[in-house]
């Protein structure tokens, strides 16, 4: 790689900000973009620019969307008695791809992590609780990832939502400890939803 070029080094560092992308992967992505036909590179750049301009957060569920509200919140066929809480949009995407869940979502955009300065305010937990109170869900499914932070967040949410006299469950079977929803296959996610358990 021509890493002596400041422009190339800047591009590599930009790719390294993506989750799971190390130096070697960033160099490969950079080299690929620099050697593709100019019109393809422009199309790639334009796709990123347009998506960044048009995609926003749904004011109701905080998922990524290009319509307000998002297509899931606006779909009359969804089961409006069920709410599934996920850490990030990729969690909702994984569950949607599996097709086993037909309720609504709420995206936290993170997990509780005091060491990183992420508390209930940063995750807009009060907005979530207001939504639970106003929309009359019969069950709230907590689908945070099986990490230490995900478990702490699940316990906190279960306590706060349970106080509202709403049934709170947690996805369970098949999602490995330390793993994220986006890495589980469709059948595993379906079984995790089916095997959800009450959080006490």
N, C-alpha and C. Protein backbone atom coordinates (compact mmCIF):
# COMPACT_ATOMS: atom_id res chain seq x y z
N UNK A 1 0.85 -1.20 0.00
CA UNK A 1 0.00 0.00 0.00
C UNK A 1 0.88 1.25 0.00
N UNK A 2 0.37 2.30 -0.63
CA UNK A 2 1.11 3.55 -0.66
C UNK A 2 0.79 4.35 0.59
N UNK A 3 1.20 3.79 1.73
CA UNK A 3 0.82 4.40 3.01
C UNK A 3 1.54 5.71 3.25
N UNK A 4 2.57 6.03 2.42
CA UNK A 4 3.25 7.30 2.61
C UNK A 4 2.37 8.46 2.15
N UNK A 5 1.31 8.18 1.37
CA UNK A 5 0.41 9.22 0.92
C UNK A 5 -0.54 9.62 2.05
N UNK A 6 -0.58 10.88 2.45
CA UNK A 6 -1.49 11.32 3.51
C UNK A 6 -2.96 11.05 3.17
N UNK A 7 -3.31 11.17 1.88
CA UNK A 7 -4.71 10.94 1.48
C UNK A 7 -5.10 9.49 1.69
N UNK A 8 -4.19 8.57 1.33
CA UNK A 8 -4.46 7.14 1.50
C UNK A 8 -4.51 6.80 2.98
N UNK A 9 -3.58 7.34 3.75
CA UNK A 9 -3.56 7.07 5.19
C UNK A 9 -4.83 7.57 5.85
N UNK A 10 -5.31 8.71 5.42
CA UNK A 10 -6.56 9.25 5.96
C UNK A 10 -7.74 8.32 5.64
N UNK A 11 -7.74 7.78 4.41
CA UNK A 11 -8.79 6.87 3.99
C UNK A 11 -8.75 5.58 4.81
N UNK A 12 -7.55 5.06 5.04
CA UNK A 12 -7.39 3.85 5.85
C UNK A 12 -7.90 4.09 7.26
N UNK A 13 -7.53 5.21 7.84
CA UNK A 13 -7.98 5.54 9.20
C UNK A 13 -9.49 5.70 9.27
N UNK A 14 -10.10 6.20 8.19
CA UNK A 14 -11.55 6.33 8.15
C UNK A 14 -12.22 4.96 8.18
N UNK A 15 -11.68 4.00 7.41
CA UNK A 15 -12.24 2.65 7.42
C UNK A 15 -12.03 1.97 8.77
N UNK A 16 -10.95 2.29 9.45
CA UNK A 16 -10.66 1.65 10.74
C UNK A 16 -11.65 2.07 11.81
N UNK A 17 -12.40 3.13 11.59
CA UNK A 17 -13.41 3.55 12.55
C UNK A 17 -14.63 2.64 12.51
N UNK A 18 -14.77 1.84 11.43
CA UNK A 18 -15.90 0.93 11.33
C UNK A 18 -15.71 -0.24 12.29
N UNK A 19 -16.79 -0.76 12.88
CA UNK A 19 -16.66 -1.85 13.85
C UNK A 19 -16.08 -3.10 13.20
N UNK A 20 -15.11 -3.70 13.88
CA UNK A 20 -14.53 -4.95 13.42
C UNK A 20 -13.52 -4.82 12.29
N UNK A 21 -13.16 -3.59 11.94
CA UNK A 21 -12.21 -3.38 10.83
C UNK A 21 -10.85 -3.00 11.39
N UNK A 22 -9.88 -3.87 11.18
CA UNK A 22 -8.51 -3.61 11.60
C UNK A 22 -7.71 -2.98 10.48
N UNK A 23 -6.42 -2.83 10.71
CA UNK A 23 -5.55 -2.17 9.74
C UNK A 23 -5.53 -2.90 8.39
N UNK A 24 -5.37 -4.20 8.42
CA UNK A 24 -5.27 -4.96 7.15
C UNK A 24 -6.56 -4.89 6.35
N UNK A 25 -7.70 -5.04 7.02
CA UNK A 25 -8.98 -4.95 6.32
C UNK A 25 -9.17 -3.55 5.75
N UNK A 26 -8.81 -2.53 6.53
CA UNK A 26 -8.95 -1.15 6.07
C UNK A 26 -8.09 -0.91 4.84
N UNK A 27 -6.89 -1.48 4.83
CA UNK A 27 -6.01 -1.34 3.66
C UNK A 27 -6.62 -2.01 2.43
N UNK A 28 -7.23 -3.20 2.63
CA UNK A 28 -7.86 -3.91 1.51
C UNK A 28 -9.02 -3.10 0.94
N UNK A 29 -9.88 -2.57 1.83
CA UNK A 29 -11.01 -1.76 1.38
C UNK A 29 -10.52 -0.53 0.61
N UNK A 30 -9.50 0.09 1.16
CA UNK A 30 -8.94 1.29 0.54
C UNK A 30 -8.39 0.97 -0.85
N UNK A 31 -7.60 -0.09 -0.95
CA UNK A 31 -7.02 -0.48 -2.23
C UNK A 31 -8.12 -0.82 -3.24
N UNK A 32 -9.16 -1.51 -2.78
CA UNK A 32 -10.25 -1.87 -3.67
C UNK A 32 -10.93 -0.63 -4.24
N UNK A 33 -11.23 0.33 -3.37
CA UNK A 33 -11.89 1.55 -3.83
C UNK A 33 -11.00 2.37 -4.77
N UNK A 34 -9.70 2.39 -4.49
CA UNK A 34 -8.78 3.18 -5.30
C UNK A 34 -8.52 2.56 -6.67
N UNK A 35 -8.76 1.26 -6.79
CA UNK A 35 -8.48 0.59 -8.07
C UNK A 35 -9.75 0.26 -8.85
N UNK A 36 -10.93 0.52 -8.29
CA UNK A 36 -12.17 0.26 -9.05
C UNK A 36 -12.35 1.36 -10.09
N UNK A 37 -13.13 1.10 -11.13
CA UNK A 37 -13.39 2.13 -12.14
C UNK A 37 -13.93 3.41 -11.50
N UNK A 38 -13.52 4.56 -12.02
CA UNK A 38 -13.93 5.85 -11.42
C UNK A 38 -15.44 5.99 -11.23
N UNK A 39 -16.22 5.50 -12.23
CA UNK A 39 -17.68 5.66 -12.11
C UNK A 39 -18.24 4.82 -10.96
N UNK A 40 -17.63 3.65 -10.70
CA UNK A 40 -18.07 2.82 -9.57
C UNK A 40 -17.70 3.47 -8.24
N UNK A 41 -16.53 4.06 -8.19
CA UNK A 41 -16.11 4.76 -6.96
C UNK A 41 -17.02 5.94 -6.69
N UNK A 42 -17.39 6.67 -7.75
CA UNK A 42 -18.31 7.80 -7.57
C UNK A 42 -19.68 7.33 -7.11
N UNK A 43 -20.14 6.22 -7.67
CA UNK A 43 -21.44 5.65 -7.27
C UNK A 43 -21.42 5.26 -5.80
N UNK A 44 -20.32 4.64 -5.35
CA UNK A 44 -20.16 4.26 -3.94
C UNK A 44 -20.22 5.49 -3.05
N UNK A 45 -19.46 6.50 -3.41
CA UNK A 45 -19.42 7.75 -2.64
C UNK A 45 -20.78 8.42 -2.60
N UNK A 46 -21.48 8.42 -3.74
CA UNK A 46 -22.79 9.05 -3.82
C UNK A 46 -23.81 8.29 -2.98
N UNK A 47 -23.72 6.95 -2.98
CA UNK A 47 -24.65 6.14 -2.18
C UNK A 47 -24.50 6.46 -0.70
N UNK A 48 -23.26 6.60 -0.24
CA UNK A 48 -23.01 6.95 1.17
C UNK A 48 -23.55 8.34 1.47
N UNK A 49 -23.29 9.30 0.58
CA UNK A 49 -23.74 10.68 0.80
C UNK A 49 -25.26 10.77 0.87
N UNK A 50 -25.94 10.13 -0.07
CA UNK A 50 -27.41 10.19 -0.10
C UNK A 50 -28.01 9.51 1.12
N UNK A 51 -27.46 8.36 1.50
CA UNK A 51 -27.97 7.65 2.68
C UNK A 51 -27.82 8.51 3.92
N UNK A 52 -26.67 9.16 4.06
CA UNK A 52 -26.44 10.01 5.24
C UNK A 52 -27.40 11.19 5.27
N UNK A 53 -27.79 11.69 4.11
CA UNK A 53 -28.71 12.82 4.04
C UNK A 53 -30.15 12.41 4.31
N UNK A 54 -30.54 11.22 3.83
CA UNK A 54 -31.95 10.82 3.87
C UNK A 54 -32.33 9.97 5.07
N UNK A 55 -31.37 9.24 5.63
CA UNK A 55 -31.69 8.34 6.74
C UNK A 55 -31.62 9.09 8.06
N UNK A 56 -32.64 8.92 8.87
CA UNK A 56 -32.70 9.56 10.18
C UNK A 56 -33.24 8.56 11.19
N UNK A 57 -33.50 9.00 12.42
CA UNK A 57 -34.07 8.14 13.44
C UNK A 57 -35.58 8.30 13.45
N UNK A 58 -36.28 7.19 13.54
CA UNK A 58 -37.73 7.24 13.72
C UNK A 58 -38.00 7.87 15.09
N UNK A 59 -38.85 8.90 15.15
CA UNK A 59 -39.10 9.56 16.43
C UNK A 59 -39.82 8.67 17.45
N UNK A 60 -40.39 7.57 16.97
CA UNK A 60 -41.15 6.69 17.86
C UNK A 60 -40.27 5.56 18.41
N UNK A 61 -39.59 4.84 17.51
CA UNK A 61 -38.82 3.67 17.95
C UNK A 61 -37.31 3.88 17.92
N UNK A 62 -36.84 4.98 17.34
CA UNK A 62 -35.43 5.33 17.25
C UNK A 62 -34.64 4.40 16.32
N UNK A 63 -35.35 3.68 15.43
CA UNK A 63 -34.68 2.87 14.43
C UNK A 63 -34.31 3.78 13.26
N UNK A 64 -33.40 3.31 12.40
CA UNK A 64 -33.04 4.08 11.23
C UNK A 64 -34.17 4.00 10.20
N UNK A 65 -34.44 5.13 9.53
CA UNK A 65 -35.55 5.17 8.58
C UNK A 65 -35.37 6.31 7.59
N UNK A 66 -36.07 6.18 6.46
CA UNK A 66 -36.14 7.30 5.52
C UNK A 66 -37.57 7.83 5.43
N UNK A 67 -38.45 7.32 6.31
CA UNK A 67 -39.82 7.83 6.40
C UNK A 67 -40.13 8.10 7.87
N UNK A 68 -41.09 8.96 8.12
CA UNK A 68 -41.48 9.28 9.50
C UNK A 68 -42.98 9.08 9.65
N UNK A 69 -43.43 8.14 10.51
CA UNK A 69 -42.60 7.19 11.25
C UNK A 69 -42.02 6.13 10.31
N UNK A 70 -41.21 5.24 10.85
CA UNK A 70 -40.60 4.20 10.03
C UNK A 70 -41.66 3.23 9.53
N UNK A 71 -41.30 2.40 8.55
CA UNK A 71 -42.27 1.48 7.94
C UNK A 71 -42.80 0.45 8.93
N UNK A 72 -42.00 0.08 9.93
CA UNK A 72 -42.46 -0.90 10.92
C UNK A 72 -43.49 -0.27 11.85
N UNK A 73 -43.20 0.92 12.36
CA UNK A 73 -44.15 1.60 13.25
C UNK A 73 -45.46 1.92 12.52
N UNK A 74 -45.37 2.19 11.21
CA UNK A 74 -46.56 2.58 10.45
C UNK A 74 -47.35 1.38 9.92
N UNK A 75 -46.82 0.17 10.04
CA UNK A 75 -47.46 -1.01 9.46
C UNK A 75 -48.63 -1.47 10.34
N UNK A 76 -49.85 -1.40 9.84
CA UNK A 76 -51.02 -1.79 10.65
C UNK A 76 -51.08 -3.30 10.93
N UNK A 77 -50.28 -4.09 10.20
CA UNK A 77 -50.30 -5.54 10.40
C UNK A 77 -49.41 -6.00 11.55
N UNK A 78 -48.61 -5.09 12.11
CA UNK A 78 -47.73 -5.47 13.22
C UNK A 78 -48.54 -5.68 14.50
N UNK A 79 -48.04 -6.56 15.37
CA UNK A 79 -48.68 -6.80 16.67
C UNK A 79 -48.27 -5.68 17.61
N UNK A 80 -49.18 -4.75 17.84
CA UNK A 80 -48.86 -3.56 18.63
C UNK A 80 -48.91 -3.82 20.14
N UNK A 81 -49.13 -5.07 20.53
CA UNK A 81 -49.09 -5.40 21.96
C UNK A 81 -47.69 -5.83 22.39
N UNK A 82 -46.80 -6.06 21.41
CA UNK A 82 -45.45 -6.53 21.70
C UNK A 82 -44.42 -5.46 21.36
N UNK A 83 -43.46 -5.28 22.25
CA UNK A 83 -42.35 -4.36 22.01
C UNK A 83 -41.05 -5.10 22.28
N UNK A 84 -40.14 -5.06 21.33
CA UNK A 84 -38.83 -5.69 21.49
C UNK A 84 -37.76 -4.61 21.55
N UNK A 85 -36.97 -4.63 22.62
CA UNK A 85 -35.92 -3.64 22.80
C UNK A 85 -34.58 -4.24 22.36
N UNK A 86 -33.91 -3.56 21.43
CA UNK A 86 -32.61 -4.01 20.95
C UNK A 86 -31.58 -2.91 21.18
N UNK A 87 -30.32 -3.31 21.17
CA UNK A 87 -29.24 -2.34 21.40
C UNK A 87 -29.08 -1.38 20.23
N UNK A 88 -29.05 -1.94 19.02
CA UNK A 88 -28.74 -1.15 17.83
C UNK A 88 -29.64 -1.56 16.67
N UNK A 89 -29.72 -0.72 15.64
CA UNK A 89 -30.55 -1.07 14.47
C UNK A 89 -30.23 -2.44 13.89
N UNK A 90 -28.97 -2.86 13.96
CA UNK A 90 -28.60 -4.16 13.39
C UNK A 90 -29.32 -5.31 14.09
N UNK A 91 -29.66 -5.14 15.38
CA UNK A 91 -30.42 -6.16 16.11
C UNK A 91 -31.83 -6.30 15.56
N UNK A 92 -32.48 -5.15 15.29
CA UNK A 92 -33.81 -5.18 14.70
C UNK A 92 -33.76 -5.78 13.30
N UNK A 93 -32.73 -5.44 12.54
CA UNK A 93 -32.57 -5.99 11.19
C UNK A 93 -32.43 -7.50 11.23
N UNK A 94 -31.67 -8.01 12.20
CA UNK A 94 -31.47 -9.46 12.31
C UNK A 94 -32.79 -10.16 12.64
N UNK A 95 -33.56 -9.60 13.56
CA UNK A 95 -34.84 -10.20 13.93
C UNK A 95 -35.84 -10.14 12.78
N UNK A 96 -35.83 -9.03 12.05
CA UNK A 96 -36.72 -8.90 10.90
C UNK A 96 -36.39 -9.92 9.82
N UNK A 97 -35.11 -10.12 9.61
CA UNK A 97 -34.68 -11.08 8.59
C UNK A 97 -35.15 -12.48 8.94
N UNK A 98 -35.13 -12.80 10.24
CA UNK A 98 -35.59 -14.12 10.68
C UNK A 98 -37.07 -14.34 10.46
N UNK A 99 -37.87 -13.27 10.53
CA UNK A 99 -39.29 -13.36 10.26
C UNK A 99 -40.15 -13.93 11.38
N UNK A 100 -39.55 -14.28 12.53
CA UNK A 100 -40.33 -14.89 13.61
C UNK A 100 -41.03 -13.85 14.48
N UNK A 101 -40.58 -12.61 14.43
CA UNK A 101 -41.13 -11.56 15.30
C UNK A 101 -41.94 -10.58 14.46
N UNK A 102 -43.17 -10.28 14.91
CA UNK A 102 -44.04 -9.37 14.16
C UNK A 102 -44.55 -8.21 15.00
N UNK A 103 -43.88 -7.93 16.12
CA UNK A 103 -44.27 -6.81 16.95
C UNK A 103 -43.53 -5.54 16.56
N UNK A 104 -43.44 -4.61 17.52
CA UNK A 104 -42.74 -3.34 17.31
C UNK A 104 -41.37 -3.38 17.98
N UNK A 105 -40.55 -2.39 17.70
CA UNK A 105 -39.19 -2.32 18.23
C UNK A 105 -38.95 -1.01 18.96
N UNK A 106 -37.91 -1.04 19.79
CA UNK A 106 -37.35 0.19 20.33
C UNK A 106 -35.84 0.01 20.34
N UNK A 107 -35.12 0.94 19.73
CA UNK A 107 -33.66 0.85 19.60
C UNK A 107 -32.99 1.78 20.61
N UNK A 108 -32.12 1.21 21.43
CA UNK A 108 -31.45 2.00 22.47
C UNK A 108 -30.26 2.80 21.94
N UNK A 109 -29.61 2.29 20.91
CA UNK A 109 -28.37 2.87 20.38
C UNK A 109 -27.25 2.81 21.40
N UNK A 110 -27.16 1.67 22.08
CA UNK A 110 -26.08 1.47 23.04
C UNK A 110 -26.55 0.65 24.23
N UNK A 111 -25.66 0.55 25.21
CA UNK A 111 -25.97 -0.15 26.46
C UNK A 111 -25.41 0.69 27.62
N UNK A 112 -25.91 0.41 28.80
CA UNK A 112 -25.42 1.12 29.98
C UNK A 112 -23.95 0.76 30.20
N UNK A 113 -23.14 1.77 30.35
CA UNK A 113 -21.71 1.57 30.57
C UNK A 113 -21.14 2.80 31.27
N UNK A 114 -21.21 2.84 32.60
CA UNK A 114 -20.75 4.01 33.34
C UNK A 114 -19.30 4.39 33.06
N UNK A 115 -18.45 3.39 32.79
CA UNK A 115 -17.04 3.69 32.51
C UNK A 115 -16.87 4.53 31.26
N UNK A 116 -17.80 4.37 30.31
CA UNK A 116 -17.76 5.16 29.08
C UNK A 116 -18.71 6.35 29.13
N UNK A 117 -19.28 6.59 30.31
CA UNK A 117 -20.17 7.72 30.46
C UNK A 117 -21.54 7.53 29.83
N UNK A 118 -21.97 6.27 29.67
CA UNK A 118 -23.28 5.99 29.07
C UNK A 118 -24.24 5.55 30.16
N UNK A 119 -25.15 6.42 30.51
CA UNK A 119 -26.15 6.13 31.53
C UNK A 119 -27.54 6.14 30.93
N UNK A 120 -28.58 6.08 31.74
CA UNK A 120 -29.97 6.08 31.26
C UNK A 120 -30.31 7.30 30.39
N UNK A 121 -29.71 8.45 30.70
CA UNK A 121 -30.01 9.66 29.93
C UNK A 121 -29.52 9.53 28.50
N UNK A 122 -28.31 8.98 28.34
CA UNK A 122 -27.73 8.84 27.00
C UNK A 122 -28.52 7.85 26.14
N UNK A 123 -29.18 6.88 26.78
CA UNK A 123 -29.98 5.90 26.05
C UNK A 123 -31.45 6.31 25.95
N UNK A 124 -31.79 7.49 26.47
CA UNK A 124 -33.16 8.01 26.41
C UNK A 124 -34.17 7.03 27.02
N UNK A 125 -33.81 6.49 28.20
CA UNK A 125 -34.66 5.50 28.85
C UNK A 125 -36.02 6.09 29.24
N UNK A 126 -36.03 7.36 29.65
CA UNK A 126 -37.30 7.98 30.03
C UNK A 126 -38.27 8.03 28.85
N UNK A 127 -37.75 8.26 27.64
CA UNK A 127 -38.60 8.25 26.45
C UNK A 127 -39.19 6.85 26.23
N UNK A 128 -38.37 5.83 26.45
CA UNK A 128 -38.83 4.45 26.32
C UNK A 128 -39.94 4.16 27.33
N UNK A 129 -39.74 4.55 28.59
CA UNK A 129 -40.74 4.30 29.63
C UNK A 129 -42.05 5.04 29.33
N UNK A 130 -41.93 6.23 28.80
CA UNK A 130 -43.13 7.00 28.42
C UNK A 130 -43.87 6.25 27.31
N UNK A 131 -43.13 5.71 26.36
CA UNK A 131 -43.75 4.96 25.27
C UNK A 131 -44.46 3.72 25.80
N UNK A 132 -43.83 3.01 26.73
CA UNK A 132 -44.44 1.81 27.31
C UNK A 132 -45.74 2.18 28.03
N UNK A 133 -45.71 3.28 28.77
CA UNK A 133 -46.92 3.72 29.50
C UNK A 133 -48.04 4.10 28.53
N UNK A 134 -47.70 4.82 27.48
CA UNK A 134 -48.73 5.38 26.59
C UNK A 134 -49.28 4.39 25.58
N UNK A 135 -48.46 3.43 25.14
CA UNK A 135 -48.90 2.55 24.05
C UNK A 135 -49.51 1.24 24.53
N UNK A 136 -49.49 0.98 25.83
CA UNK A 136 -50.20 -0.16 26.39
C UNK A 136 -49.75 -1.52 25.92
N UNK A 137 -48.46 -1.75 25.88
CA UNK A 137 -47.93 -3.06 25.48
C UNK A 137 -48.28 -4.10 26.54
N UNK A 138 -48.57 -5.31 26.09
CA UNK A 138 -48.84 -6.39 27.04
C UNK A 138 -47.55 -7.12 27.41
N UNK A 139 -46.54 -7.00 26.55
CA UNK A 139 -45.25 -7.65 26.82
C UNK A 139 -44.12 -6.84 26.20
N UNK A 140 -43.06 -6.71 26.95
CA UNK A 140 -41.84 -6.07 26.45
C UNK A 140 -40.73 -7.12 26.47
N UNK A 141 -40.16 -7.37 25.31
CA UNK A 141 -39.09 -8.36 25.17
C UNK A 141 -37.75 -7.63 25.14
N UNK A 142 -36.87 -7.98 26.05
CA UNK A 142 -35.54 -7.35 26.07
C UNK A 142 -34.58 -8.24 25.30
N UNK A 143 -34.03 -7.69 24.22
CA UNK A 143 -33.15 -8.47 23.35
C UNK A 143 -31.78 -7.81 23.24
N UNK A 144 -31.28 -7.33 24.38
CA UNK A 144 -29.91 -6.82 24.38
C UNK A 144 -28.97 -8.01 24.23
N UNK A 145 -27.76 -7.74 23.76
CA UNK A 145 -26.80 -8.81 23.50
C UNK A 145 -26.34 -9.47 24.79
N UNK A 146 -25.84 -10.70 24.65
CA UNK A 146 -25.41 -11.49 25.81
C UNK A 146 -23.97 -11.13 26.18
N UNK A 147 -23.78 -9.86 26.55
CA UNK A 147 -22.50 -9.36 27.05
C UNK A 147 -22.73 -8.85 28.46
N UNK A 148 -21.67 -8.54 29.17
CA UNK A 148 -21.81 -8.02 30.54
C UNK A 148 -22.66 -6.75 30.54
N UNK A 149 -22.37 -5.84 29.60
CA UNK A 149 -23.12 -4.58 29.53
C UNK A 149 -24.57 -4.82 29.11
N UNK A 150 -24.77 -5.78 28.20
CA UNK A 150 -26.12 -6.11 27.76
C UNK A 150 -26.95 -6.69 28.88
N UNK A 151 -26.33 -7.51 29.73
CA UNK A 151 -27.05 -8.10 30.87
C UNK A 151 -27.40 -7.05 31.91
N UNK A 152 -26.47 -6.13 32.16
CA UNK A 152 -26.73 -5.05 33.12
C UNK A 152 -27.88 -4.18 32.61
N UNK A 153 -27.84 -3.87 31.33
CA UNK A 153 -28.89 -3.06 30.72
C UNK A 153 -30.24 -3.77 30.80
N UNK A 154 -30.25 -5.08 30.52
CA UNK A 154 -31.48 -5.86 30.59
C UNK A 154 -32.06 -5.85 31.99
N UNK A 155 -31.21 -6.02 33.00
CA UNK A 155 -31.67 -6.03 34.39
C UNK A 155 -32.26 -4.67 34.78
N UNK A 156 -31.59 -3.61 34.36
CA UNK A 156 -32.06 -2.26 34.67
C UNK A 156 -33.43 -2.00 34.01
N UNK A 157 -33.53 -2.36 32.72
CA UNK A 157 -34.78 -2.15 32.01
C UNK A 157 -35.91 -2.99 32.60
N UNK A 158 -35.60 -4.23 32.97
CA UNK A 158 -36.61 -5.11 33.54
C UNK A 158 -37.19 -4.51 34.82
N UNK A 159 -36.32 -3.93 35.63
CA UNK A 159 -36.77 -3.33 36.89
C UNK A 159 -37.66 -2.11 36.62
N UNK A 160 -37.21 -1.25 35.70
CA UNK A 160 -37.96 -0.02 35.42
C UNK A 160 -39.29 -0.32 34.71
N UNK A 161 -39.27 -1.21 33.74
CA UNK A 161 -40.49 -1.53 32.99
C UNK A 161 -41.43 -2.40 33.82
N UNK A 162 -40.87 -3.33 34.60
CA UNK A 162 -41.68 -4.17 35.47
C UNK A 162 -42.48 -3.35 36.48
N UNK A 163 -41.90 -2.22 36.89
CA UNK A 163 -42.60 -1.34 37.84
C UNK A 163 -43.85 -0.73 37.23
N UNK A 164 -43.95 -0.78 35.90
CA UNK A 164 -45.13 -0.26 35.22
C UNK A 164 -46.21 -1.33 35.05
N UNK A 165 -46.01 -2.47 35.71
CA UNK A 165 -46.96 -3.59 35.67
C UNK A 165 -47.11 -4.15 34.25
N UNK A 166 -45.99 -4.24 33.54
CA UNK A 166 -45.96 -4.82 32.20
C UNK A 166 -45.11 -6.08 32.25
N UNK A 167 -45.56 -7.12 31.57
CA UNK A 167 -44.80 -8.37 31.49
C UNK A 167 -43.48 -8.11 30.75
N UNK A 168 -42.35 -8.48 31.38
CA UNK A 168 -41.03 -8.27 30.77
C UNK A 168 -40.35 -9.62 30.60
N UNK A 169 -39.94 -9.91 29.37
CA UNK A 169 -39.24 -11.17 29.10
C UNK A 169 -37.88 -10.87 28.47
N UNK A 170 -37.06 -11.91 28.46
CA UNK A 170 -35.69 -11.78 27.92
C UNK A 170 -35.46 -12.92 26.95
N UNK A 171 -34.94 -12.62 25.75
CA UNK A 171 -34.62 -13.72 24.85
C UNK A 171 -33.55 -14.58 25.50
N UNK A 172 -33.60 -15.87 25.24
CA UNK A 172 -32.72 -16.75 25.99
C UNK A 172 -32.00 -17.76 25.12
N UNK A 173 -32.65 -18.87 24.82
CA UNK A 173 -31.98 -20.03 24.22
C UNK A 173 -31.34 -19.73 22.88
N UNK A 174 -30.11 -20.18 22.75
CA UNK A 174 -29.46 -20.14 21.46
C UNK A 174 -28.59 -18.94 21.19
N UNK A 175 -28.73 -17.86 21.95
CA UNK A 175 -27.85 -16.71 21.75
C UNK A 175 -26.67 -16.86 22.68
N UNK A 176 -25.45 -17.08 22.15
CA UNK A 176 -24.29 -17.37 23.00
C UNK A 176 -23.85 -16.19 23.83
N UNK A 177 -23.31 -16.48 25.01
CA UNK A 177 -22.78 -15.43 25.88
C UNK A 177 -21.66 -14.71 25.16
N UNK A 178 -21.72 -13.40 25.16
CA UNK A 178 -20.70 -12.61 24.49
C UNK A 178 -21.01 -12.36 23.03
N UNK A 179 -22.12 -12.95 22.52
CA UNK A 179 -22.45 -12.80 21.11
C UNK A 179 -23.53 -11.77 20.88
N UNK A 180 -23.59 -11.26 19.66
CA UNK A 180 -24.60 -10.28 19.28
C UNK A 180 -25.66 -10.90 18.40
N UNK A 181 -26.84 -10.25 18.35
CA UNK A 181 -27.94 -10.76 17.55
C UNK A 181 -27.56 -10.87 16.08
N UNK A 182 -26.73 -9.92 15.62
CA UNK A 182 -26.40 -9.90 14.19
C UNK A 182 -25.58 -11.09 13.75
N UNK A 183 -25.00 -11.84 14.71
CA UNK A 183 -24.17 -12.99 14.36
C UNK A 183 -24.94 -14.32 14.47
N UNK A 184 -26.16 -14.26 14.96
CA UNK A 184 -26.95 -15.49 15.12
C UNK A 184 -27.72 -15.77 13.83
N UNK A 185 -27.90 -17.05 13.53
CA UNK A 185 -28.67 -17.42 12.34
C UNK A 185 -30.16 -17.28 12.61
N UNK A 186 -30.96 -17.34 11.53
CA UNK A 186 -32.40 -17.10 11.63
C UNK A 186 -33.09 -18.07 12.58
N UNK A 187 -32.74 -19.36 12.50
CA UNK A 187 -33.37 -20.37 13.34
C UNK A 187 -33.03 -20.14 14.82
N UNK A 188 -31.77 -19.78 15.09
CA UNK A 188 -31.35 -19.50 16.46
C UNK A 188 -32.14 -18.33 17.03
N UNK A 189 -32.32 -17.28 16.22
CA UNK A 189 -33.08 -16.12 16.68
C UNK A 189 -34.54 -16.48 16.93
N UNK A 190 -35.12 -17.29 16.05
CA UNK A 190 -36.51 -17.71 16.23
C UNK A 190 -36.66 -18.49 17.53
N UNK A 191 -35.72 -19.39 17.80
CA UNK A 191 -35.77 -20.17 19.04
C UNK A 191 -35.53 -19.29 20.26
N UNK A 192 -34.67 -18.28 20.12
CA UNK A 192 -34.41 -17.37 21.24
C UNK A 192 -35.68 -16.61 21.58
N UNK A 193 -36.44 -16.21 20.58
CA UNK A 193 -37.71 -15.52 20.83
C UNK A 193 -38.72 -16.46 21.46
N UNK A 194 -38.83 -17.67 20.92
CA UNK A 194 -39.78 -18.64 21.46
C UNK A 194 -39.45 -19.01 22.89
N UNK A 195 -38.15 -19.05 23.21
CA UNK A 195 -37.72 -19.47 24.54
C UNK A 195 -37.51 -18.34 25.53
N UNK A 196 -38.06 -17.19 25.21
CA UNK A 196 -37.87 -16.05 26.12
C UNK A 196 -38.48 -16.36 27.48
N UNK A 197 -37.89 -15.76 28.52
CA UNK A 197 -38.33 -16.04 29.89
C UNK A 197 -38.63 -14.75 30.63
N UNK A 198 -39.49 -14.84 31.60
CA UNK A 198 -39.80 -13.70 32.45
C UNK A 198 -38.57 -13.26 33.20
N UNK A 199 -38.39 -11.94 33.31
CA UNK A 199 -37.30 -11.41 34.13
C UNK A 199 -37.90 -10.99 35.45
N UNK A 200 -37.34 -11.52 36.53
CA UNK A 200 -37.88 -11.18 37.84
C UNK A 200 -36.99 -10.20 38.56
